Structure formats: structure tokens, C-alpha cells
Amino acid sequence: METLQFSDRQDSVRFYEDRYAHGYMGHWSVFEKARLINLVRELQLPARGVALDFGCGRGIFTSVIREALPGWRIFGCDISAEAIAWAKQHQPDITFFVLGDKAYDNLRADFIHSHHVLEHTFNAEITAREMAGYAAAACTMLHSFPCDHPGSLEYQLSEAVKSGIDPENGKFFFEDTAHQRRLSRKKAEALFAGDGFKGVDASYANQRAGAVKWIAESDLALVLNITDSRLARDATAAAFLKGWRRKLLFRWWCHFAATAFTPADRGRHYRLKRVIQFLAFVSCFWFAIPVNRAMQRAALREWETDRKKENGSDLFLVLRRG
């Protein structure tokens, strides 16, 4: 499996500036936004305070935090000037800044959020210290990131592949090449322990139904790669991957057709994709929409009933100090 090597912050900046210039992370689903609102509200934070969305990208989730904490001052920061410029233009009532801007050296937040930052950063220890540097004496953190806990569908698919799980960094073979690691809850808590933070709660997503949902919502190339039986470790594993390819391709097509009129990232070949989606919708909407809705309901039901089961592939970790 390929993992891009970032030697320092500037390597990361150059890479992500290019990604954001091509429409990276422009949209998140209603499902993910609603989940974050509920997670923040469950923290029972005070009516007023200062919140920082660290690694905010285009600020999509920063606006969700503003909705969850209406009485708070909301800030967002990122290493990408491209992403911050977009966020400022589209959300002028939130304060965004490029990480390292000395004008915000004295910012201290009562709540710090990061969404899928820790797997991307070139150095997790440095990033954890930077986050803690913005923390008030009494501070709550909420971090979400892919974890390496066994038992999820993604874990099983990766186990079926030869060398499907990197023993050094915990990555699964199909992941974004820019992902640097998968952390366990224990490893993530250790990153912040030196600054006085302790883990107080954890929730897990994507045990099975949630994984089916996000894979079906991904590019076709990922669906094909994650179920490639040519990579199987043995005949039994190959049959397992072939079975899941059939299931996931069907759900991918249903989601693709059903979301023909849903906003999406404006990446490469955007217009061509939209034309094909429209044609798929016209011919398949009568079954694609019900299947897609059932998939969404199953993922939500799994989150509501199984979020404390540690065999998820996504971890939502709550830390507190003071």
C-alpha cells in the first residue's frame, strides 16, 4: 500500500493547497452534520465560550459547531490558505485563520474540535501539541479519526487481502495515500496526556452498516479496489471479497443514481459525472431511491444502537482537562 511521505509542514501545505484548489472537501452529508451536532450537544458545554475547529478545511463542520453552540465565539484554522479563503468568503460570521498566524497566538479555546485531522498530519505529536497550545486551562476536545480497532467490515476486508493492514502505522490497504496512520483510542489519548488531557468518553461508527454507507458514497474506484479478489490471501478470502463486491457495487449504483441532484464536490470531470448521474436517475430512480434510503436508515440505526461497541472503524474521542 502507498503512503505519501511528508517530511515537514511545508510538504503538507503544498499537497493540500493543490487538493483544495481542485474542490477537495466541499460537502458533507446531512447524516454526518446531524451526528456532529448531537455529539457536541451531548458534551453539555456552558452557554458561552470559545470554540476552535482545528484543521477546519473549508469550514463545513465549523458552521455545524456554530449551530450546536449558538452562544459561543467560533474560530476555525487550517494549514491551507486556499481552504481558509473559501471558508471566509462563504461564512463571514466565523473567524478563520491560517495555522501559524501570530495574530491568534493568544487564542484560548474552551472547546477544540478536529474532524479527520490526526490521520492526515505529517506528525501527530506535533499536531497534538499545537492543538493543546490553543486550549484554555479548562478545555474539552472532540476528535474524530479512523481507528485500527479489529472487527469492522473495513478491517475484515483488509484482513482478506495480502498485507492488507500495515503493521507499522495501522493503515488499511485501500486508504487515501495521504493518510499517515490509524490510531487506537489508547494511542490517541497518549498524544494529549502530556498536556493534561484525559479521555472521558468514546463513540464508534462504521461497524458494518455505516461502512457500507460510506463506501457506497465513495468513488467507484474505491469500491473496486476494496473488494479486489486478485489481492486475496487465499481462496476463502477471494470468495469473501467477491461477495462484498456484488453487494457494494449494487449499493454504490443506487446511491449514485439517487443523488443526481444532491450537491457534490466539484472535482475533475464534474460535468460528465453529473450527466451520467442524471441518466442513471431517470432509468433507476424507482429502486435506487428506496435502496439508498434504507442504507441511510441502517447506518443511523447502527450508530444509535452500537456506538459504544469498539469494533467500529471511526472513533469519536472526548478529552478533558481541568
C-alpha atoms as a PDB file:
ATOM      1  CA  MET A   1       0.000   0.000   0.000  1.00  0.00           C
ATOM      2  CA  GLU A   2       1.193   3.509  -0.769  1.00  0.00           C
ATOM      3  CA  THR A   3       1.648   6.231   1.843  1.00  0.00           C
ATOM      4  CA  LEU A   4       2.833   9.671   0.802  1.00  0.00           C
ATOM      5  CA  GLN A   5       5.803  10.874   2.806  1.00  0.00           C
ATOM      6  CA  PHE A   6       5.577  14.400   4.202  1.00  0.00           C
ATOM      7  CA  SER A   7       8.935  15.457   5.588  1.00  0.00           C
ATOM      8  CA  ASP A   8       7.620  18.641   7.207  1.00  0.00           C
ATOM      9  CA  ARG A   9       4.742  21.110   7.394  1.00  0.00           C
ATOM     10  CA  GLN A  10       5.559  22.713   4.060  1.00  0.00           C
ATOM     11  CA  ASP A  11       5.289  19.369   2.256  1.00  0.00           C
ATOM     12  CA  SER A  12       1.790  19.005   3.685  1.00  0.00           C
ATOM     13  CA  VAL A  13       0.852  22.575   2.793  1.00  0.00           C
ATOM     14  CA  ARG A  14       1.859  22.178  -0.854  1.00  0.00           C
ATOM     15  CA  PHE A  15      -0.052  18.909  -1.167  1.00  0.00           C
ATOM     16  CA  TYR A  16      -3.296  20.147   0.399  1.00  0.00           C
ATOM     17  CA  GLU A  17      -3.242  23.515  -1.365  1.00  0.00           C
ATOM     18  CA  ASP A  18      -3.374  21.584  -4.620  1.00  0.00           C
ATOM     19  CA  ARG A  19      -6.181  19.358  -3.376  1.00  0.00           C
ATOM     20  CA  TYR A  20      -8.310  22.262  -2.188  1.00  0.00           C
ATOM     21  CA  ALA A  21      -7.748  24.051  -5.491  1.00  0.00           C
ATOM     22  CA  HIS A  22      -9.493  21.108  -7.170  1.00  0.00           C
ATOM     23  CA  GLY A  23     -12.620  21.051  -4.992  1.00  0.00           C
ATOM     24  CA  TYR A  24     -11.452  18.899  -2.075  1.00  0.00           C
ATOM     25  CA  MET A  25     -13.845  18.533   0.904  1.00  0.00           C
ATOM     26  CA  GLY A  26     -16.539  20.864  -0.386  1.00  0.00           C
ATOM     27  CA  HIS A  27     -19.537  18.974   1.014  1.00  0.00           C
ATOM     28  CA  TRP A  28     -20.515  16.686   3.867  1.00  0.00           C
ATOM     29  CA  SER A  29     -23.778  14.818   4.146  1.00  0.00           C
ATOM     30  CA  VAL A  30     -26.721  15.752   6.358  1.00  0.00           C
ATOM     31  CA  PHE A  31     -26.095  12.476   8.205  1.00  0.00           C
ATOM     32  CA  GLU A  32     -22.566  13.461   9.287  1.00  0.00           C
ATOM     33  CA  LYS A  33     -23.600  17.019  10.164  1.00  0.00           C
ATOM     34  CA  ALA A  34     -26.501  15.853  12.356  1.00  0.00           C
ATOM     35  CA  ARG A  35     -24.234  13.374  14.127  1.00  0.00           C
ATOM     36  CA  LEU A  36     -21.717  16.099  14.983  1.00  0.00           C
ATOM     37  CA  ILE A  37     -24.416  18.449  16.287  1.00  0.00           C
ATOM     38  CA  ASN A  38     -25.678  15.738  18.622  1.00  0.00           C
ATOM     39  CA  LEU A  39     -22.172  14.816  19.791  1.00  0.00           C
ATOM     40  CA  VAL A  40     -21.386  18.437  20.660  1.00  0.00           C
ATOM     41  CA  ARG A  41     -24.682  18.953  22.457  1.00  0.00           C
ATOM     42  CA  GLU A  42     -24.133  15.775  24.477  1.00  0.00           C
ATOM     43  CA  LEU A  43     -20.990  17.362  25.948  1.00  0.00           C
ATOM     44  CA  GLN A  44     -23.224  19.746  27.920  1.00  0.00           C
ATOM     45  CA  LEU A  45     -20.862  22.664  27.459  1.00  0.00           C
ATOM     46  CA  PRO A  46     -21.627  26.070  29.034  1.00  0.00           C
ATOM     47  CA  ALA A  47     -23.936  28.509  27.268  1.00  0.00           C
ATOM     48  CA  ARG A  48     -20.983  30.710  26.273  1.00  0.00           C
ATOM     49  CA  GLY A  49     -17.356  30.141  25.446  1.00  0.00           C
ATOM     50  CA  VAL A  50     -14.740  30.000  22.691  1.00  0.00           C
ATOM     51  CA  ALA A  51     -14.584  27.089  20.244  1.00  0.00           C
ATOM     52  CA  LEU A  52     -11.847  26.223  17.739  1.00  0.00           C
ATOM     53  CA  ASP A  53     -12.289  23.883  14.781  1.00  0.00           C
ATOM     54  CA  PHE A  54      -8.698  22.752  14.226  1.00  0.00           C
ATOM     55  CA  GLY A  55      -7.945  21.620  10.681  1.00  0.00           C
ATOM     56  CA  CYS A  56     -11.271  23.036   9.562  1.00  0.00           C
ATOM     57  CA  GLY A  57     -10.644  22.883   5.815  1.00  0.00           C
ATOM     58  CA  ARG A  58     -13.434  24.777   4.065  1.00  0.00           C
ATOM     59  CA  GLY A  59     -15.257  25.234   7.365  1.00  0.00           C
ATOM     60  CA  ILE A  60     -18.166  22.909   6.607  1.00  0.00           C
ATOM     61  CA  PHE A  61     -18.124  21.432  10.102  1.00  0.00           C
ATOM     62  CA  THR A  62     -17.185  24.778  11.643  1.00  0.00           C
ATOM     63  CA  SER A  63     -20.634  26.040  10.692  1.00  0.00           C
ATOM     64  CA  VAL A  64     -22.117  22.904  12.275  1.00  0.00           C
ATOM     65  CA  ILE A  65     -20.324  23.727  15.527  1.00  0.00           C
ATOM     66  CA  ARG A  66     -21.725  27.247  15.351  1.00  0.00           C
ATOM     67  CA  GLU A  67     -25.218  25.733  15.082  1.00  0.00           C
ATOM     68  CA  ALA A  68     -24.569  23.418  18.035  1.00  0.00           C
ATOM     69  CA  LEU A  69     -23.095  26.233  20.177  1.00  0.00           C
ATOM     70  CA  PRO A  70     -25.108  29.359  19.272  1.00  0.00           C
ATOM     71  CA  GLY A  71     -23.841  31.461  22.185  1.00  0.00           C
ATOM     72  CA  TRP A  72     -20.147  30.823  21.511  1.00  0.00           C
ATOM     73  CA  ARG A  73     -17.414  32.632  19.597  1.00  0.00           C
ATOM     74  CA  ILE A  74     -16.354  30.244  16.831  1.00  0.00           C
ATOM     75  CA  PHE A  75     -12.929  30.040  15.187  1.00  0.00           C
ATOM     76  CA  GLY A  76     -11.509  27.750  12.524  1.00  0.00           C
ATOM     77  CA  CYS A  77      -7.920  27.193  11.413  1.00  0.00           C
ATOM     78  CA  ASP A  78      -6.150  25.139   8.754  1.00  0.00           C
ATOM     79  CA  ILE A  79      -2.743  24.856   7.092  1.00  0.00           C
ATOM     80  CA  SER A  80      -4.308  25.588   3.683  1.00  0.00           C
ATOM     81  CA  ALA A  81      -4.670  29.252   2.731  1.00  0.00           C
ATOM     82  CA  GLU A  82      -6.834  28.107  -0.198  1.00  0.00           C
ATOM     83  CA  ALA A  83      -9.314  26.413   2.133  1.00  0.00           C
ATOM     84  CA  ILE A  84      -9.350  29.326   4.594  1.00  0.00           C
ATOM     85  CA  ALA A  85     -10.008  31.853   1.824  1.00  0.00           C
ATOM     86  CA  TRP A  86     -13.019  29.806   0.698  1.00  0.00           C
ATOM     87  CA  ALA A  87     -14.277  29.491   4.284  1.00  0.00           C
ATOM     88  CA  LYS A  88     -14.003  33.256   4.887  1.00  0.00           C
ATOM     89  CA  GLN A  89     -15.885  34.030   1.695  1.00  0.00           C
ATOM     90  CA  HIS A  90     -18.752  31.655   2.383  1.00  0.00           C
ATOM     91  CA  GLN A  91     -19.030  32.042   6.178  1.00  0.00           C
ATOM     92  CA  PRO A  92     -18.118  35.637   7.062  1.00  0.00           C
ATOM     93  CA  ASP A  93     -19.631  35.423  10.553  1.00  0.00           C
ATOM     94  CA  ILE A  94     -16.980  32.873  11.651  1.00  0.00           C
ATOM     95  CA  THR A  95     -13.343  33.827  12.261  1.00  0.00           C
ATOM     96  CA  PHE A  96     -10.974  31.713  10.159  1.00  0.00           C
ATOM     97  CA  PHE A  97      -7.185  31.877  10.099  1.00  0.00           C
ATOM     98  CA  VAL A  98      -4.231  30.013   8.660  1.00  0.00           C
ATOM     99  CA  LEU A  99      -2.463  27.920  11.273  1.00  0.00           C
ATOM    100  CA  GLY A 100       0.609  29.812  12.471  1.00  0.00           C
ATOM    101  CA  ASP A 101      -0.909  33.289  12.095  1.00  0.00           C
ATOM    102  CA  LYS A 102       0.652  35.128  15.033  1.00  0.00           C
ATOM    103  CA  ALA A 103      -2.403  37.336  15.411  1.00  0.00           C
ATOM    104  CA  TYR A 104      -4.059  34.322  17.059  1.00  0.00           C
ATOM    105  CA  ASP A 105      -1.188  33.180  19.260  1.00  0.00           C
ATOM    106  CA  ASN A 106      -3.136  34.209  22.367  1.00  0.00           C
ATOM    107  CA  LEU A 107      -6.364  32.470  21.364  1.00  0.00           C
ATOM    108  CA  ARG A 108      -7.503  30.071  24.060  1.00  0.00           C
ATOM    109  CA  ALA A 109     -10.459  27.819  23.391  1.00  0.00           C
ATOM    110  CA  ASP A 110     -12.810  26.149  25.847  1.00  0.00           C
ATOM    111  CA  PHE A 111     -13.709  23.574  23.210  1.00  0.00           C
ATOM    112  CA  ILE A 112     -11.494  22.225  20.409  1.00  0.00           C
ATOM    113  CA  HIS A 113     -12.795  20.026  17.616  1.00  0.00           C
ATOM    114  CA  SER A 114     -10.970  18.169  14.866  1.00  0.00           C
ATOM    115  CA  HIS A 115     -12.556  16.066  12.160  1.00  0.00           C
ATOM    116  CA  HIS A 116     -10.259  13.550  10.466  1.00  0.00           C
ATOM    117  CA  VAL A 117      -7.130  15.571  11.086  1.00  0.00           C
ATOM    118  CA  LEU A 118      -4.945  13.190  13.068  1.00  0.00           C
ATOM    119  CA  GLU A 119      -4.617  10.661  10.238  1.00  0.00           C
ATOM    120  CA  HIS A 120      -3.520  13.359   7.768  1.00  0.00           C
ATOM    121  CA  THR A 121      -0.971  15.360   9.712  1.00  0.00           C
ATOM    122  CA  PHE A 122       2.701  14.802   8.938  1.00  0.00           C
ATOM    123  CA  ASN A 123       3.475  14.419  12.657  1.00  0.00           C
ATOM    124  CA  ALA A 124       0.705  13.527  15.112  1.00  0.00           C
ATOM    125  CA  GLU A 125       2.737  14.502  18.186  1.00  0.00           C
ATOM    126  CA  ILE A 126       3.451  17.991  16.865  1.00  0.00           C
ATOM    127  CA  THR A 127      -0.174  18.490  15.852  1.00  0.00           C
ATOM    128  CA  ALA A 128      -1.448  17.356  19.261  1.00  0.00           C
ATOM    129  CA  ARG A 129       0.856  19.876  20.959  1.00  0.00           C
ATOM    130  CA  GLU A 130      -0.355  22.629  18.623  1.00  0.00           C
ATOM    131  CA  MET A 131      -3.962  21.830  19.471  1.00  0.00           C
ATOM    132  CA  ALA A 132      -3.190  21.831  23.183  1.00  0.00           C
ATOM    133  CA  GLY A 133      -1.436  25.173  22.756  1.00  0.00           C
ATOM    134  CA  TYR A 134      -4.776  26.750  21.864  1.00  0.00           C
ATOM    135  CA  ALA A 135      -6.573  25.130  24.804  1.00  0.00           C
ATOM    136  CA  ALA A 136      -7.827  27.083  27.817  1.00  0.00           C
ATOM    137  CA  ALA A 137      -6.906  25.831  31.291  1.00  0.00           C
ATOM    138  CA  ALA A 138     -10.243  24.013  31.404  1.00  0.00           C
ATOM    139  CA  CYS A 139     -10.955  22.608  27.952  1.00  0.00           C
ATOM    140  CA  THR A 140     -12.939  19.861  26.251  1.00  0.00           C
ATOM    141  CA  MET A 141     -11.768  18.277  22.989  1.00  0.00           C
ATOM    142  CA  LEU A 142     -13.655  16.159  20.474  1.00  0.00           C
ATOM    143  CA  HIS A 143     -11.587  14.361  17.835  1.00  0.00           C
ATOM    144  CA  SER A 144     -12.828  12.037  15.113  1.00  0.00           C
ATOM    145  CA  PHE A 145     -10.473   9.822  13.131  1.00  0.00           C
ATOM    146  CA  PRO A 146     -10.230   6.336  11.579  1.00  0.00           C
ATOM    147  CA  CYS A 147      -9.081   3.816  14.156  1.00  0.00           C
ATOM    148  CA  ASP A 148      -7.371   0.438  13.887  1.00  0.00           C
ATOM    149  CA  HIS A 149      -9.674  -1.494  16.218  1.00  0.00           C
ATOM    150  CA  PRO A 150     -10.441  -5.004  14.900  1.00  0.00           C
ATOM    151  CA  GLY A 151     -13.852  -6.291  13.875  1.00  0.00           C
ATOM    152  CA  SER A 152     -15.289  -3.704  11.485  1.00  0.00           C
ATOM    153  CA  LEU A 153     -16.245  -4.542   7.910  1.00  0.00           C
ATOM    154  CA  GLU A 154     -13.277  -2.482   6.700  1.00  0.00           C
ATOM    155  CA  TYR A 155     -10.974  -4.441   8.983  1.00  0.00           C
ATOM    156  CA  GLN A 156     -12.359  -7.748   7.679  1.00  0.00           C
ATOM    157  CA  LEU A 157     -11.953  -6.677   4.052  1.00  0.00           C
ATOM    158  CA  SER A 158      -8.378  -5.608   4.765  1.00  0.00           C
ATOM    159  CA  GLU A 159      -7.599  -8.856   6.584  1.00  0.00           C
ATOM    160  CA  ALA A 160      -8.756 -10.754   3.493  1.00  0.00           C
ATOM    161  CA  VAL A 161      -6.032  -9.049   1.434  1.00  0.00           C
ATOM    162  CA  LYS A 162      -2.342  -9.940   1.449  1.00  0.00           C
ATOM    163  CA  SER A 163      -0.567  -7.348   3.597  1.00  0.00           C
ATOM    164  CA  GLY A 164      -3.878  -5.516   3.851  1.00  0.00           C
ATOM    165  CA  ILE A 165      -3.068  -3.876   7.196  1.00  0.00           C
ATOM    166  CA  ASP A 166       0.196  -2.015   7.693  1.00  0.00           C
ATOM    167  CA  PRO A 167       1.824  -3.336  10.898  1.00  0.00           C
ATOM    168  CA  GLU A 168       3.707  -0.057  11.441  1.00  0.00           C
ATOM    169  CA  ASN A 169       1.008   2.588  11.131  1.00  0.00           C
ATOM    170  CA  GLY A 170      -2.208   0.528  11.226  1.00  0.00           C
ATOM    171  CA  LYS A 171      -3.404   1.764   7.823  1.00  0.00           C
ATOM    172  CA  PHE A 172      -5.789  -0.311   5.730  1.00  0.00           C
ATOM    173  CA  PHE A 173      -4.665  -1.048   2.174  1.00  0.00           C
ATOM    174  CA  PHE A 174      -7.443   0.908   0.433  1.00  0.00           C
ATOM    175  CA  GLU A 175      -6.968   4.202   2.252  1.00  0.00           C
ATOM    176  CA  ASP A 176      -6.125   7.597   0.831  1.00  0.00           C
ATOM    177  CA  THR A 177      -2.383   7.707   0.133  1.00  0.00           C
ATOM    178  CA  ALA A 178      -2.241  10.934   2.164  1.00  0.00           C
ATOM    179  CA  HIS A 179      -3.345   9.113   5.321  1.00  0.00           C
ATOM    180  CA  GLN A 180      -0.324   8.651   7.550  1.00  0.00           C
ATOM    181  CA  ARG A 181      -1.774   6.378  10.251  1.00  0.00           C
ATOM    182  CA  ARG A 182      -4.690   4.757  12.053  1.00  0.00           C
ATOM    183  CA  LEU A 183      -4.713   5.300  15.789  1.00  0.00           C
ATOM    184  CA  SER A 184      -6.249   3.276  18.591  1.00  0.00           C
ATOM    185  CA  ARG A 185      -8.070   5.024  21.425  1.00  0.00           C
ATOM    186  CA  LYS A 186      -5.108   4.359  23.701  1.00  0.00           C
ATOM    187  CA  LYS A 187      -2.585   5.865  21.272  1.00  0.00           C
ATOM    188  CA  ALA A 188      -4.743   8.915  20.649  1.00  0.00           C
ATOM    189  CA  GLU A 189      -5.171   9.598  24.357  1.00  0.00           C
ATOM    190  CA  ALA A 190      -1.405   9.299  24.824  1.00  0.00           C
ATOM    191  CA  LEU A 191      -0.832  12.107  22.304  1.00  0.00           C
ATOM    192  CA  PHE A 192      -2.580  14.583  24.596  1.00  0.00           C
ATOM    193  CA  ALA A 193      -1.730  13.138  28.018  1.00  0.00           C
ATOM    194  CA  GLY A 194       1.421  15.243  28.364  1.00  0.00           C
ATOM    195  CA  ASP A 195      -0.704  18.396  28.233  1.00  0.00           C
ATOM    196  CA  GLY A 196      -3.016  17.170  30.981  1.00  0.00           C
ATOM    197  CA  PHE A 197      -5.886  15.814  28.866  1.00  0.00           C
ATOM    198  CA  LYS A 198      -7.647  12.588  29.769  1.00  0.00           C
ATOM    199  CA  GLY A 199     -10.062  10.504  27.730  1.00  0.00           C
ATOM    200  CA  VAL A 200     -13.549  10.659  29.225  1.00  0.00           C
ATOM    201  CA  ASP A 201     -15.734   9.134  26.522  1.00  0.00           C
ATOM    202  CA  ALA A 202     -15.583   7.435  23.141  1.00  0.00           C
ATOM    203  CA  SER A 203     -18.081   6.503  20.460  1.00  0.00           C
ATOM    204  CA  TYR A 204     -17.516   4.323  17.414  1.00  0.00           C
ATOM    205  CA  ALA A 205     -19.058   4.310  13.944  1.00  0.00           C
ATOM    206  CA  ASN A 206     -18.995   2.142  10.836  1.00  0.00           C
ATOM    207  CA  GLN A 207     -19.015  -1.303  12.362  1.00  0.00           C
ATOM    208  CA  ARG A 208     -20.864  -2.626   9.302  1.00  0.00           C
ATOM    209  CA  ALA A 209     -23.885  -0.642   8.049  1.00  0.00           C
ATOM    210  CA  GLY A 210     -22.032   2.649   8.406  1.00  0.00           C
ATOM    211  CA  ALA A 211     -19.116   1.215   6.438  1.00  0.00           C
ATOM    212  CA  VAL A 212     -21.455   0.059   3.662  1.00  0.00           C
ATOM    213  CA  LYS A 213     -22.881   3.591   3.562  1.00  0.00           C
ATOM    214  CA  TRP A 214     -19.590   5.481   3.253  1.00  0.00           C
ATOM    215  CA  ILE A 215     -18.109   3.001   0.757  1.00  0.00           C
ATOM    216  CA  ALA A 216     -21.228   3.252  -1.404  1.00  0.00           C
ATOM    217  CA  GLU A 217     -20.934   7.042  -1.247  1.00  0.00           C
ATOM    218  CA  SER A 218     -17.303   6.957  -2.415  1.00  0.00           C
ATOM    219  CA  ASP A 219     -15.768   6.833  -5.886  1.00  0.00           C
ATOM    220  CA  LEU A 220     -16.314   3.698  -7.945  1.00  0.00           C
ATOM    221  CA  ALA A 221     -12.552   3.157  -7.970  1.00  0.00           C
ATOM    222  CA  LEU A 222     -12.557   2.692  -4.196  1.00  0.00           C
ATOM    223  CA  VAL A 223     -15.396   0.166  -4.343  1.00  0.00           C
ATOM    224  CA  LEU A 224     -13.470  -1.856  -6.913  1.00  0.00           C
ATOM    225  CA  ASN A 225     -10.181  -1.580  -5.015  1.00  0.00           C
ATOM    226  CA  ILE A 226     -11.537  -2.504  -1.582  1.00  0.00           C
ATOM    227  CA  THR A 227     -13.079  -5.711  -2.989  1.00  0.00           C
ATOM    228  CA  ASP A 228     -10.341  -6.741  -5.439  1.00  0.00           C
ATOM    229  CA  SER A 229     -10.221 -10.544  -5.158  1.00  0.00           C
ATOM    230  CA  ARG A 230      -6.899 -10.643  -7.034  1.00  0.00           C
ATOM    231  CA  LEU A 231      -5.320  -9.314  -3.836  1.00  0.00           C
ATOM    232  CA  ALA A 232      -6.847 -12.033  -1.644  1.00  0.00           C
ATOM    233  CA  ARG A 233      -4.673 -14.025   0.726  1.00  0.00           C
ATOM    234  CA  ASP A 234      -6.408 -17.321  -0.167  1.00  0.00           C
ATOM    235  CA  ALA A 235      -9.455 -18.828  -1.923  1.00  0.00           C
ATOM    236  CA  THR A 236     -11.767 -18.288   1.042  1.00  0.00           C
ATOM    237  CA  ALA A 237     -10.771 -14.633   1.248  1.00  0.00           C
ATOM    238  CA  ALA A 238     -11.275 -14.257  -2.518  1.00  0.00           C
ATOM    239  CA  ALA A 239     -14.849 -15.568  -2.230  1.00  0.00           C
ATOM    240  CA  PHE A 240     -15.465 -13.159   0.666  1.00  0.00           C
ATOM    241  CA  LEU A 241     -14.241 -10.188  -1.396  1.00  0.00           C
ATOM    242  CA  LYS A 242     -16.262 -11.224  -4.462  1.00  0.00           C
ATOM    243  CA  GLY A 243     -19.424 -11.445  -2.372  1.00  0.00           C
ATOM    244  CA  TRP A 244     -18.900  -7.995  -0.956  1.00  0.00           C
ATOM    245  CA  ARG A 245     -18.085  -6.579  -4.402  1.00  0.00           C
ATOM    246  CA  ARG A 246     -21.536  -7.562  -5.634  1.00  0.00           C
ATOM    247  CA  LYS A 247     -23.244  -6.046  -2.587  1.00  0.00           C
ATOM    248  CA  LEU A 248     -21.254  -2.822  -2.625  1.00  0.00           C
ATOM    249  CA  LEU A 249     -21.469  -2.243  -6.375  1.00  0.00           C
ATOM    250  CA  PHE A 250     -25.246  -2.504  -6.231  1.00  0.00           C
ATOM    251  CA  ARG A 251     -25.442  -0.032  -3.346  1.00  0.00           C
ATOM    252  CA  TRP A 252     -22.922   2.269  -4.998  1.00  0.00           C
ATOM    253  CA  TRP A 253     -25.037   2.417  -8.145  1.00  0.00           C
ATOM    254  CA  CYS A 254     -28.207   3.083  -6.151  1.00  0.00           C
ATOM    255  CA  HIS A 255     -26.557   5.928  -4.248  1.00  0.00           C
ATOM    256  CA  PHE A 256     -25.033   7.323  -7.439  1.00  0.00           C
ATOM    257  CA  ALA A 257     -28.405   7.392  -9.203  1.00  0.00           C
ATOM    258  CA  ALA A 258     -30.421   8.580  -6.191  1.00  0.00           C
ATOM    259  CA  THR A 259     -28.179  11.596  -5.537  1.00  0.00           C
ATOM    260  CA  ALA A 260     -28.177  13.051  -9.047  1.00  0.00           C
ATOM    261  CA  PHE A 261     -29.496  16.360  -7.714  1.00  0.00           C
ATOM    262  CA  THR A 262     -27.520  16.445  -4.454  1.00  0.00           C
ATOM    263  CA  PRO A 263     -24.635  18.980  -4.130  1.00  0.00           C
ATOM    264  CA  ALA A 264     -21.222  17.373  -4.581  1.00  0.00           C
ATOM    265  CA  ASP A 265     -17.551  18.309  -4.674  1.00  0.00           C
ATOM    266  CA  ARG A 266     -16.649  19.958  -7.975  1.00  0.00           C
ATOM    267  CA  GLY A 267     -13.698  17.711  -8.745  1.00  0.00           C
ATOM    268  CA  ARG A 268     -12.308  16.632 -12.088  1.00  0.00           C
ATOM    269  CA  HIS A 269     -14.872  15.566 -14.744  1.00  0.00           C
ATOM    270  CA  TYR A 270     -17.654  17.077 -12.629  1.00  0.00           C
ATOM    271  CA  ARG A 271     -19.983  17.906 -15.544  1.00  0.00           C
ATOM    272  CA  LEU A 272     -19.592  14.498 -17.187  1.00  0.00           C
ATOM    273  CA  LYS A 273     -20.342  12.791 -13.892  1.00  0.00           C
ATOM    274  CA  ARG A 274     -23.489  14.870 -13.470  1.00  0.00           C
ATOM    275  CA  VAL A 275     -24.758  13.938 -16.937  1.00  0.00           C
ATOM    276  CA  ILE A 276     -24.238  10.230 -16.252  1.00  0.00           C
ATOM    277  CA  GLN A 277     -25.912  10.592 -12.853  1.00  0.00           C
ATOM    278  CA  PHE A 278     -28.954  12.224 -14.437  1.00  0.00           C
ATOM    279  CA  LEU A 279     -29.313   9.377 -16.918  1.00  0.00           C
ATOM    280  CA  ALA A 280     -28.926   6.848 -14.099  1.00  0.00           C
ATOM    281  CA  PHE A 281     -31.608   8.634 -12.096  1.00  0.00           C
ATOM    282  CA  VAL A 282     -34.086   8.632 -14.984  1.00  0.00           C
ATOM    283  CA  SER A 283     -33.697   4.904 -15.558  1.00  0.00           C
ATOM    284  CA  CYS A 284     -33.259   3.624 -11.997  1.00  0.00           C
ATOM    285  CA  PHE A 285     -34.853   6.077  -9.535  1.00  0.00           C
ATOM    286  CA  TRP A 286     -37.763   3.736  -8.788  1.00  0.00           C
ATOM    287  CA  PHE A 287     -35.477   1.285  -6.956  1.00  0.00           C
ATOM    288  CA  ALA A 288     -32.349   3.401  -6.352  1.00  0.00           C
ATOM    289  CA  ILE A 289     -34.061   5.876  -4.028  1.00  0.00           C
ATOM    290  CA  PRO A 290     -35.620   3.241  -1.707  1.00  0.00           C
ATOM    291  CA  VAL A 291     -32.347   1.281  -1.520  1.00  0.00           C
ATOM    292  CA  ASN A 292     -30.364   4.423  -0.762  1.00  0.00           C
ATOM    293  CA  ARG A 293     -32.796   5.491   1.952  1.00  0.00           C
ATOM    294  CA  ALA A 294     -32.695   2.027   3.523  1.00  0.00           C
ATOM    295  CA  MET A 295     -28.898   2.215   3.563  1.00  0.00           C
ATOM    296  CA  GLN A 296     -29.051   5.584   5.350  1.00  0.00           C
ATOM    297  CA  ARG A 297     -31.531   4.263   7.912  1.00  0.00           C
ATOM    298  CA  ALA A 298     -29.394   1.199   8.612  1.00  0.00           C
ATOM    299  CA  ALA A 299     -26.307   3.361   9.231  1.00  0.00           C
ATOM    300  CA  LEU A 300     -28.254   5.642  11.571  1.00  0.00           C
ATOM    301  CA  ARG A 301     -29.722   2.682  13.445  1.00  0.00           C
ATOM    302  CA  GLU A 302     -26.255   1.180  13.861  1.00  0.00           C
ATOM    303  CA  TRP A 303     -24.921   4.474  15.221  1.00  0.00           C
ATOM    304  CA  GLU A 304     -27.788   4.782  17.702  1.00  0.00           C
ATOM    305  CA  THR A 305     -27.542   1.205  18.992  1.00  0.00           C
ATOM    306  CA  ASP A 306     -23.878   0.231  18.597  1.00  0.00           C
ATOM    307  CA  ARG A 307     -21.854   3.418  19.071  1.00  0.00           C
ATOM    308  CA  LYS A 308     -20.257   2.107  22.275  1.00  0.00           C
ATOM    309  CA  LYS A 309     -19.057  -1.082  20.598  1.00  0.00           C
ATOM    310  CA  GLU A 310     -15.331  -0.774  19.932  1.00  0.00           C
ATOM    311  CA  ASN A 311     -15.358  -2.682  16.637  1.00  0.00           C
ATOM    312  CA  GLY A 312     -16.034   0.478  14.625  1.00  0.00           C
ATOM    313  CA  SER A 313     -13.603   1.893  12.092  1.00  0.00           C
ATOM    314  CA  ASP A 314     -14.233   5.540  13.069  1.00  0.00           C
ATOM    315  CA  LEU A 315     -13.609   6.814  16.578  1.00  0.00           C
ATOM    316  CA  PHE A 316     -15.087   9.928  18.210  1.00  0.00           C
ATOM    317  CA  LEU A 317     -12.924  10.655  21.244  1.00  0.00           C
ATOM    318  CA  VAL A 318     -13.730  13.128  24.021  1.00  0.00           C
ATOM    319  CA  LEU A 319     -10.843  14.515  26.104  1.00  0.00           C
ATOM    320  CA  ARG A 320     -10.967  16.900  29.048  1.00  0.00           C
ATOM    321  CA  ARG A 321      -8.571  18.987  31.107  1.00  0.00           C
ATOM    322  CA  GLY A 322      -9.383  20.982  34.182  1.00  0.00           C
END
